[in-house]
Amino acid sequence: MDEKHAWVYSLSMGKTYDIAIVGAGAVGSTLAFALAKQGYRIALLDGQTPWFEPYSPERVIALSEGSKRYLESLDVWDAVLANGAGWIKHIEVSEPNNIGAVDMSHQELDSEALGYVLEIRHVVAPIHQALSEYAKQVDMIYPAQCLSIYQNETGASLQIKTESGEQTIQTSLLVGADGTNSFVRKQAGILTSGWEHNRIGLVASVSTGNGHGDTAYECFREEGPLALLPLADGRFSIVWSVAPKTAMELLKLDDAGFLNMLKIEAGDAITQQVGGFKAMGNRASFPLELRIAKQFAKNNVVLLGNAAHTIHPIAGQGMNLGLRDVAVLADILSQSWAKADLSKPLIGQTYAERRRLDTLAVAGFTEGVLEAFAAPVSSLSPKRWLRGTGLNTMATMPALKHLLLEQAAGIGQLKGLSS
């Protein structure tokens, strides 16, 4: 790791914090920074030392215009953008070989872009750099293995194991931002609802003859959607949802074979527009699922990001949901009534109430779109005809299209975050 990023602080035995955050990824680190700016004493823990070197394939996220505006409010967006980003100025939604398509443009929202595609390390590293300016308030503790959590009326005790041995820290409020398989969520006894999609997400970066033109493509296919997201260097990052058997077959293909299948799935119109698929990097895969916590808070524990909700990547809304979690919790903790006693259950209850509707709306939308574009795909299928007609209708109804644009860009949700 680069020396300027090696900010690992030691932990004293029995240290007490206002807030302890488990998970030092983009969501947990952004929360730590937002709360440090408010003057809180914070412990930021992670099971691994953050790594800011390149991955292959790149670990890519899509940030909405709403997320960009929130990071701007924290004065970190310029540092994030300095590392490079693919700008989504247009989104083309289609189902190859079916009628209908929707082309959404940033100009219709009078914004610079609808979203931005970045390597996740280029988001986390600048936030950690900003956190280094609050070293007296924030202890970054990693690698730290969480062993157990005990809650009481005054907060929570977190038993951890670091390189210096087992230690206990006390905190008034414990935040779980530690991912889909959250240790904090399980220790708090919070169950989840959801299901496996029986689909695999394939990711890779591909170059094309004409570049991307600041355009993202969403192509709906029989087994699942194929998304092409513009990267800073002119390539696309693809996220391709397929059945497990198909995933195995695609992963076995050489690059030429994979690119040929990509061409078929993207369809002639998109392939011609981008100038053909020319080369690609390494491939990776991951299972797709929907998983939502039945409680977003319990006593002195609150959940953020994938610890609270893991959704299908079809609309690229996972990280944006997490950053809205951060915005809401930081807003609550800025209130005088919350500052007076961080161990109040009302903090978690208020947070859960304000985040539930947004989360269910996004999850419902993504699952609804997946169902709407699922098989059958016969050219004579009424369901297929309705899909094409629906896309055409969307393109010709400005008010409906504008509402969809606001939601896709995260602007509509951002407006609703105030208490």
Protein backbone atom coordinates (compact mmCIF):
# COMPACT_ATOMS: atom_id res chain seq x y z
CA MET A 1 0.00 0.00 0.00
CA ASP A 2 1.11 3.55 -0.75
CA GLU A 3 2.56 5.17 2.40
CA LYS A 4 0.22 8.13 2.23
CA HIS A 5 -2.71 5.70 2.59
CA ALA A 6 -1.29 3.74 5.52
CA TRP A 7 -3.26 5.45 8.27
CA VAL A 8 -3.75 2.67 10.81
CA TYR A 9 -4.12 3.88 14.35
CA SER A 10 -3.53 1.80 17.45
CA LEU A 11 -6.31 1.14 19.92
CA SER A 12 -6.05 1.54 23.69
CA MET A 13 -7.63 -1.07 25.92
CA GLY A 14 -11.19 -0.21 26.90
CA LYS A 15 -11.40 2.95 24.81
CA THR A 16 -14.79 4.64 24.60
CA TYR A 17 -16.31 6.21 21.48
CA ASP A 18 -19.44 8.06 20.54
CA ILE A 19 -19.90 5.91 17.46
CA ALA A 20 -18.19 2.74 16.24
CA ILE A 21 -18.53 1.85 12.54
CA VAL A 22 -17.77 -1.68 11.39
CA GLY A 23 -16.86 -1.62 7.69
CA ALA A 24 -14.37 0.84 6.17
CA GLY A 25 -15.62 0.65 2.59
CA ALA A 26 -17.24 3.53 0.73
CA VAL A 27 -20.38 3.65 2.89
CA GLY A 28 -18.72 3.24 6.30
CA SER A 29 -15.87 5.61 5.49
CA THR A 30 -18.20 8.29 4.16
CA LEU A 31 -20.28 8.07 7.33
CA ALA A 32 -17.14 8.34 9.48
CA PHE A 33 -16.09 11.45 7.58
CA ALA A 34 -19.54 13.06 7.76
CA LEU A 35 -19.73 12.46 11.52
CA ALA A 36 -16.14 13.54 12.15
CA LYS A 37 -17.07 16.88 10.59
CA GLN A 38 -19.80 17.11 13.24
CA GLY A 39 -17.26 16.59 16.02
CA TYR A 40 -18.03 13.00 17.04
CA ARG A 41 -15.41 10.63 18.45
CA ILE A 42 -15.37 7.63 16.10
CA ALA A 43 -13.86 4.17 15.72
CA LEU A 44 -13.75 2.88 12.14
CA LEU A 45 -13.02 -0.85 11.97
CA ASP A 46 -12.52 -3.33 9.17
CA GLY A 47 -11.45 -6.95 8.88
CA GLN A 48 -8.91 -6.03 6.22
CA THR A 49 -6.47 -3.20 5.69
CA PRO A 50 -7.93 -1.03 2.90
CA TRP A 51 -6.30 -1.66 -0.45
CA PHE A 52 -6.13 1.11 -3.03
CA GLU A 53 -4.14 -0.61 -5.78
CA PRO A 54 -5.77 -1.61 -9.12
CA TYR A 55 -7.99 -4.67 -9.42
CA SER A 56 -8.47 -6.74 -12.56
CA PRO A 57 -11.23 -6.60 -13.54
CA GLU A 58 -11.82 -3.19 -12.04
CA ARG A 59 -14.24 -3.01 -9.12
CA VAL A 60 -16.67 -0.48 -10.53
CA ILE A 61 -19.62 1.39 -9.06
CA ALA A 62 -22.15 3.77 -10.58
CA LEU A 63 -22.85 6.94 -8.61
CA SER A 64 -25.97 8.90 -9.39
CA GLU A 65 -26.13 12.67 -9.76
CA GLY A 66 -27.77 12.69 -6.33
CA SER A 67 -24.80 10.87 -4.77
CA LYS A 68 -22.43 13.28 -6.49
CA ARG A 69 -24.30 16.21 -4.96
CA TYR A 70 -24.08 14.65 -1.50
CA LEU A 71 -20.33 14.08 -1.83
CA GLU A 72 -20.05 17.69 -2.98
CA SER A 73 -21.75 18.77 0.23
CA LEU A 74 -18.99 16.93 2.14
CA ASP A 75 -16.30 18.68 0.03
CA VAL A 76 -14.82 15.42 -1.26
CA TRP A 77 -16.29 15.17 -4.76
CA ASP A 78 -13.48 17.08 -6.48
CA ALA A 79 -10.92 14.70 -4.97
CA VAL A 80 -12.99 11.71 -6.09
CA LEU A 81 -13.42 13.07 -9.61
CA ALA A 82 -9.69 13.83 -9.89
CA ASN A 83 -9.02 10.09 -10.17
CA GLY A 84 -11.14 9.86 -13.30
CA ALA A 85 -14.74 8.88 -13.96
CA GLY A 86 -16.92 7.81 -16.83
CA TRP A 87 -19.74 10.30 -17.27
CA ILE A 88 -23.21 8.95 -18.03
CA LYS A 89 -24.81 11.68 -20.11
CA HIS A 90 -27.22 9.36 -21.90
CA ILE A 91 -28.88 6.07 -20.99
CA GLU A 92 -30.30 3.89 -23.75
CA VAL A 93 -32.73 1.20 -22.61
CA SER A 94 -33.77 -1.44 -25.12
CA GLU A 95 -34.63 -5.05 -25.75
CA PRO A 96 -32.77 -6.17 -28.88
CA ASN A 97 -35.03 -7.41 -31.67
CA ASN A 98 -38.13 -5.92 -30.03
CA ILE A 99 -39.97 -2.68 -30.71
CA GLY A 100 -39.41 0.29 -28.45
CA ALA A 101 -36.46 1.98 -26.78
CA VAL A 102 -35.88 4.85 -24.38
CA ASP A 103 -33.02 7.34 -24.62
CA MET A 104 -32.60 9.44 -21.48
CA SER A 105 -30.35 12.51 -21.53
CA HIS A 106 -28.79 14.64 -18.80
CA GLN A 107 -30.03 17.71 -20.67
CA GLU A 108 -33.59 16.80 -19.76
CA LEU A 109 -32.68 17.29 -16.08
CA ASP A 110 -30.45 20.33 -16.65
CA SER A 111 -27.57 18.51 -14.94
CA GLU A 112 -23.99 17.75 -15.99
CA ALA A 113 -24.66 14.02 -16.05
CA LEU A 114 -27.14 11.37 -15.01
CA GLY A 115 -24.42 9.48 -13.19
CA TYR A 116 -20.74 8.63 -12.95
CA VAL A 117 -18.89 5.32 -13.24
CA LEU A 118 -15.84 4.99 -11.02
CA GLU A 119 -13.51 2.38 -9.64
CA ILE A 120 -14.52 1.96 -6.02
CA ARG A 121 -10.92 2.48 -4.86
CA HIS A 122 -11.03 5.94 -6.41
CA VAL A 123 -13.95 6.76 -4.13
CA VAL A 124 -12.66 5.20 -0.92
CA ALA A 125 -9.06 6.47 -1.13
CA PRO A 126 -9.95 10.21 -1.22
CA ILE A 127 -12.38 9.74 1.67
CA HIS A 128 -9.68 8.03 3.72
CA GLN A 129 -7.33 10.86 2.78
CA ALA A 130 -9.90 13.35 4.06
CA LEU A 131 -10.31 11.29 7.24
CA SER A 132 -6.60 11.63 7.96
CA GLU A 133 -7.27 15.30 8.75
CA TYR A 134 -9.43 14.14 11.68
CA ALA A 135 -6.89 11.76 13.23
CA LYS A 136 -7.58 13.10 16.72
CA GLN A 137 -11.27 12.20 16.40
CA VAL A 138 -11.21 9.03 14.30
CA ASP A 139 -9.34 5.83 15.15
CA MET A 140 -9.03 3.64 12.06
CA ILE A 141 -8.59 0.12 13.36
CA TYR A 142 -7.63 -2.61 10.92
CA PRO A 143 -7.21 -5.40 10.42
CA ALA A 144 -9.66 -6.11 13.26
CA GLN A 145 -11.66 -9.29 13.69
CA CYS A 146 -14.97 -8.71 15.44
CA LEU A 147 -15.61 -11.45 17.98
CA SER A 148 -18.80 -10.49 19.80
CA ILE A 149 -21.20 -7.65 20.52
CA TYR A 150 -23.03 -6.97 23.75
CA GLN A 151 -25.76 -4.32 23.95
CA ASN A 152 -26.97 -2.57 27.06
CA GLU A 153 -28.94 0.56 27.93
CA THR A 154 -25.91 2.83 27.59
CA GLY A 155 -24.62 1.53 24.27
CA ALA A 156 -22.68 -1.48 23.04
CA SER A 157 -19.45 -3.32 23.84
CA LEU A 158 -17.50 -4.67 20.88
CA GLN A 159 -14.96 -7.41 21.48
CA ILE A 160 -12.30 -7.42 18.76
CA LYS A 161 -9.01 -9.10 17.95
CA THR A 162 -6.17 -7.06 16.45
CA GLU A 163 -2.49 -7.71 15.93
CA SER A 164 -1.94 -6.64 19.54
CA GLY A 165 -4.47 -9.13 20.91
CA GLU A 166 -8.10 -9.15 22.06
CA GLN A 167 -9.59 -5.84 23.16
CA THR A 168 -12.95 -4.37 24.07
CA ILE A 169 -14.26 -1.02 22.99
CA GLN A 170 -17.32 0.80 24.24
CA THR A 171 -19.60 2.85 22.04
CA SER A 172 -22.87 4.69 22.47
CA LEU A 173 -23.97 3.80 18.93
CA LEU A 174 -22.80 0.86 16.80
CA VAL A 175 -23.11 1.01 13.01
CA GLY A 176 -22.94 -2.06 10.79
CA ALA A 177 -21.66 -1.14 7.32
CA ASP A 178 -19.98 -4.50 6.84
CA GLY A 179 -21.69 -5.86 3.75
CA THR A 180 -24.21 -8.49 2.76
CA ASN A 181 -22.93 -11.07 5.26
CA SER A 182 -22.84 -8.49 8.05
CA PHE A 183 -21.37 -9.71 11.35
CA VAL A 184 -23.03 -6.80 13.15
CA ARG A 185 -26.46 -7.67 11.77
CA LYS A 186 -26.13 -11.31 12.77
CA GLN A 187 -24.83 -10.49 16.26
CA ALA A 188 -27.72 -8.08 16.78
CA GLY A 189 -30.14 -10.89 15.94
CA ILE A 190 -31.60 -9.11 12.91
CA LEU A 191 -33.02 -11.43 10.25
CA THR A 192 -33.34 -10.77 6.51
CA SER A 193 -35.95 -11.29 3.82
CA GLY A 194 -35.24 -12.02 0.17
CA TRP A 195 -34.20 -14.67 -2.26
CA GLU A 196 -31.53 -15.90 -4.61
CA HIS A 197 -32.12 -14.92 -8.23
CA ASN A 198 -30.45 -18.10 -9.54
CA ARG A 199 -28.43 -15.76 -11.72
CA ILE A 200 -24.73 -14.93 -11.91
CA GLY A 201 -23.37 -11.47 -12.61
CA LEU A 202 -20.41 -11.47 -15.00
CA VAL A 203 -18.18 -8.38 -14.99
CA ALA A 204 -15.37 -7.33 -17.31
CA SER A 205 -14.04 -4.26 -19.08
CA VAL A 206 -14.19 -4.10 -22.88
CA SER A 207 -12.91 -1.70 -25.51
CA THR A 208 -14.85 -0.75 -28.63
CA GLY A 209 -14.07 0.83 -31.98
CA ASN A 210 -15.91 4.10 -31.32
CA GLY A 211 -15.65 4.42 -27.53
CA HIS A 212 -18.74 4.99 -25.43
CA GLY A 213 -19.75 8.58 -26.15
CA ASP A 214 -20.72 9.09 -22.48
CA THR A 215 -23.59 6.65 -23.00
CA ALA A 216 -24.70 3.75 -20.80
CA TYR A 217 -26.70 0.91 -22.32
CA GLU A 218 -29.21 -1.38 -20.60
CA CYS A 219 -30.16 -4.36 -22.79
CA PHE A 220 -32.82 -6.78 -21.61
CA ARG A 221 -32.31 -10.39 -22.57
CA GLU A 222 -34.07 -13.66 -21.81
CA GLU A 223 -31.76 -14.71 -18.96
CA GLY A 224 -31.28 -11.22 -17.54
CA PRO A 225 -30.10 -7.69 -18.30
CA LEU A 226 -26.79 -6.69 -19.86
CA ALA A 227 -25.46 -3.28 -18.79
CA LEU A 228 -22.62 -1.42 -20.49
CA LEU A 229 -21.27 1.41 -18.34
CA PRO A 230 -18.83 4.06 -19.63
CA LEU A 231 -15.39 4.15 -17.98
CA ALA A 232 -13.03 7.13 -17.75
CA ASP A 233 -10.64 5.77 -20.39
CA GLY A 234 -13.27 5.21 -23.10
CA ARG A 235 -13.90 1.51 -22.40
CA PHE A 236 -17.09 -0.05 -21.08
CA SER A 237 -17.53 -1.95 -17.84
CA ILE A 238 -20.09 -4.68 -18.46
CA VAL A 239 -22.41 -6.31 -15.93
CA TRP A 240 -24.11 -9.31 -17.53
CA SER A 241 -26.78 -11.31 -15.69
CA VAL A 242 -27.02 -14.92 -16.86
CA ALA A 243 -28.09 -18.35 -15.61
CA PRO A 244 -25.39 -20.33 -13.74
CA LYS A 245 -24.96 -22.80 -16.62
CA THR A 246 -24.48 -19.97 -19.11
CA ALA A 247 -22.03 -18.25 -16.76
CA MET A 248 -19.86 -21.37 -16.65
CA GLU A 249 -19.88 -21.60 -20.44
CA LEU A 250 -19.02 -17.91 -20.89
CA LEU A 251 -16.19 -18.06 -18.37
CA LYS A 252 -14.64 -20.99 -20.27
CA LEU A 253 -14.59 -19.13 -23.61
CA ASP A 254 -11.48 -17.39 -24.86
CA ASP A 255 -11.67 -13.61 -25.30
CA ALA A 256 -12.70 -13.80 -28.95
CA GLY A 257 -15.51 -16.22 -28.16
CA PHE A 258 -16.74 -14.13 -25.24
CA LEU A 259 -16.73 -10.93 -27.32
CA ASN A 260 -18.69 -12.68 -30.06
CA MET A 261 -21.35 -13.73 -27.54
CA LEU A 262 -21.40 -10.19 -26.17
CA LYS A 263 -22.02 -8.88 -29.68
CA ILE A 264 -24.95 -11.24 -30.11
CA GLU A 265 -26.51 -10.32 -26.78
CA ALA A 266 -26.02 -6.56 -27.18
CA GLY A 267 -27.69 -6.66 -30.60
CA ASP A 268 -26.76 -5.19 -33.95
CA ALA A 269 -27.85 -1.61 -33.22
CA ILE A 270 -25.66 -1.18 -30.14
CA THR A 271 -22.75 -3.11 -31.65
CA GLN A 272 -22.75 -0.82 -34.68
CA GLN A 273 -23.11 2.29 -32.55
CA VAL A 274 -20.06 1.48 -30.42
CA GLY A 275 -18.01 0.29 -33.37
CA GLY A 276 -17.84 -3.35 -32.38
CA PHE A 277 -16.27 -5.02 -29.34
CA LYS A 278 -12.50 -5.19 -29.85
CA ALA A 279 -10.72 -6.37 -26.70
CA MET A 280 -11.35 -7.18 -23.07
CA GLY A 281 -9.68 -7.64 -19.71
CA ASN A 282 -10.12 -10.28 -17.03
CA ARG A 283 -13.55 -11.59 -16.09
CA ALA A 284 -15.12 -12.13 -12.67
CA SER A 285 -18.47 -13.41 -11.44
CA PHE A 286 -20.71 -13.12 -8.39
CA PRO A 287 -24.15 -14.46 -7.37
CA LEU A 288 -27.14 -12.12 -7.60
CA GLU A 289 -29.65 -11.87 -4.79
CA LEU A 290 -32.14 -9.68 -2.99
CA ARG A 291 -31.56 -9.42 0.74
CA ILE A 292 -33.23 -6.80 2.98
CA ALA A 293 -32.89 -6.65 6.76
CA LYS A 294 -36.20 -7.00 8.60
CA GLN A 295 -35.00 -4.25 10.92
CA PHE A 296 -32.66 -1.41 9.97
CA ALA A 297 -32.00 -0.70 13.64
CA LYS A 298 -32.24 -2.53 16.94
CA ASN A 299 -31.54 -0.83 20.24
CA ASN A 300 -28.07 0.75 19.85
CA VAL A 301 -27.28 -0.85 16.48
CA VAL A 302 -28.07 0.57 13.04
CA LEU A 303 -27.38 -0.95 9.61
CA LEU A 304 -26.22 0.85 6.47
CA GLY A 305 -25.40 -0.15 2.91
CA ASN A 306 -25.39 -3.81 1.94
CA ALA A 307 -25.68 -4.80 5.59
CA ALA A 308 -29.22 -3.39 5.40
CA HIS A 309 -30.06 -4.09 1.76
CA THR A 310 -28.46 -6.01 -1.09
CA ILE A 311 -30.27 -5.54 -4.41
CA HIS A 312 -29.87 -6.60 -8.03
CA PRO A 313 -27.37 -4.36 -9.90
CA ILE A 314 -29.76 -3.82 -12.82
CA ALA A 315 -30.24 -0.09 -12.10
CA GLY A 316 -26.87 0.51 -10.43
CA GLN A 317 -28.58 1.73 -7.27
CA GLY A 318 -26.83 -0.29 -4.53
CA MET A 319 -24.12 2.23 -3.63
CA ASN A 320 -26.50 5.13 -4.07
CA LEU A 321 -28.91 3.60 -1.57
CA GLY A 322 -26.00 3.22 0.85
CA LEU A 323 -24.95 6.85 0.49
CA ARG A 324 -28.53 7.95 1.14
CA ASP A 325 -28.37 5.84 4.32
CA VAL A 326 -25.30 7.87 5.27
CA ALA A 327 -27.01 11.18 4.50
CA VAL A 328 -30.05 10.33 6.62
CA LEU A 329 -28.12 9.00 9.62
CA ALA A 330 -25.73 11.97 9.54
CA ASP A 331 -28.70 14.32 9.40
CA ILE A 332 -30.34 12.65 12.41
CA LEU A 333 -27.09 12.75 14.39
CA SER A 334 -26.74 16.47 13.66
CA GLN A 335 -29.92 17.15 15.65
CA SER A 336 -29.53 18.44 19.20
CA TRP A 337 -31.89 15.81 20.62
CA ALA A 338 -29.70 13.03 19.20
CA LYS A 339 -26.45 14.60 20.38
CA ALA A 340 -27.83 14.80 23.91
CA ASP A 341 -27.92 11.00 24.22
CA LEU A 342 -26.57 8.79 21.44
CA SER A 343 -27.82 5.65 23.17
CA LYS A 344 -31.47 6.62 22.67
CA PRO A 345 -33.37 3.89 20.76
CA LEU A 346 -35.25 6.77 19.09
CA ILE A 347 -32.18 7.44 16.92
CA GLY A 348 -32.34 4.02 15.34
CA GLN A 349 -36.12 4.08 15.13
CA THR A 350 -36.08 7.43 13.33
CA TYR A 351 -33.38 6.23 10.93
CA ALA A 352 -35.27 3.02 10.14
CA GLU A 353 -38.50 4.89 9.49
CA ARG A 354 -36.82 7.34 7.13
CA ARG A 355 -34.94 4.68 5.15
CA ARG A 356 -37.51 1.91 4.81
CA LEU A 357 -39.70 3.44 2.09
CA ASP A 358 -36.80 4.45 -0.19
CA THR A 359 -35.22 1.01 0.13
CA LEU A 360 -38.45 -0.87 -0.57
CA ALA A 361 -39.25 1.43 -3.50
CA VAL A 362 -35.87 0.80 -5.15
CA ALA A 363 -36.00 -2.94 -4.44
CA GLY A 364 -39.56 -3.13 -5.73
CA PHE A 365 -38.64 -1.23 -8.88
CA THR A 366 -35.62 -3.42 -9.70
CA GLU A 367 -37.50 -6.66 -9.01
CA GLY A 368 -40.48 -5.41 -11.01
CA VAL A 369 -38.32 -4.58 -14.01
CA LEU A 370 -36.63 -7.99 -13.81
CA GLU A 371 -40.02 -9.70 -13.75
CA ALA A 372 -41.41 -7.55 -16.56
CA PHE A 373 -38.52 -8.45 -18.86
CA ALA A 374 -38.35 -12.12 -17.91
CA ALA A 375 -39.27 -14.93 -20.29
CA PRO A 376 -41.29 -15.66 -22.38
CA VAL A 377 -39.60 -13.84 -25.26
CA SER A 378 -41.52 -15.32 -28.19
CA SER A 379 -42.17 -12.73 -30.86
CA LEU A 380 -45.88 -13.50 -30.44
CA SER A 381 -45.85 -13.14 -26.66
CA PRO A 382 -48.27 -10.48 -25.33
CA LYS A 383 -45.77 -9.84 -22.53
CA ARG A 384 -43.05 -9.09 -25.07
CA TRP A 385 -45.36 -6.78 -27.04
CA LEU A 386 -46.29 -4.92 -23.85
CA ARG A 387 -42.62 -4.41 -23.01
CA GLY A 388 -41.90 -2.83 -26.35
CA THR A 389 -45.07 -0.74 -26.25
CA GLY A 390 -44.22 0.37 -22.72
CA LEU A 391 -40.78 1.58 -23.78
CA ASN A 392 -42.30 3.48 -26.70
CA THR A 393 -44.91 5.03 -24.40
CA MET A 394 -42.23 6.11 -21.94
CA ALA A 395 -40.33 7.84 -24.72
CA THR A 396 -43.39 9.86 -25.77
CA MET A 397 -44.62 10.93 -22.31
CA PRO A 398 -42.36 13.78 -21.07
CA ALA A 399 -43.80 13.97 -17.53
CA LEU A 400 -43.43 10.22 -16.91
CA LYS A 401 -40.00 10.18 -18.49
CA HIS A 402 -38.86 13.15 -16.38
CA LEU A 403 -40.01 11.38 -13.20
CA LEU A 404 -38.08 8.26 -14.22
CA LEU A 405 -35.02 10.39 -14.96
CA GLU A 406 -35.13 12.05 -11.54
CA GLN A 407 -35.30 8.66 -9.87
CA ALA A 408 -32.55 7.14 -12.03
CA ALA A 409 -30.30 10.12 -11.31
CA GLY A 410 -31.05 9.96 -7.57
CA ILE A 411 -32.29 13.55 -7.55
CA GLY A 412 -35.86 12.70 -6.61
CA GLN A 413 -34.69 10.62 -3.64
CA LEU A 414 -32.23 13.31 -2.57
CA LYS A 415 -35.09 15.80 -2.34
CA GLY A 416 -36.88 13.51 0.08
CA LEU A 417 -33.98 13.01 2.50
CA SER A 418 -34.66 16.05 4.67
CA SER A 419 -36.33 15.33 7.98
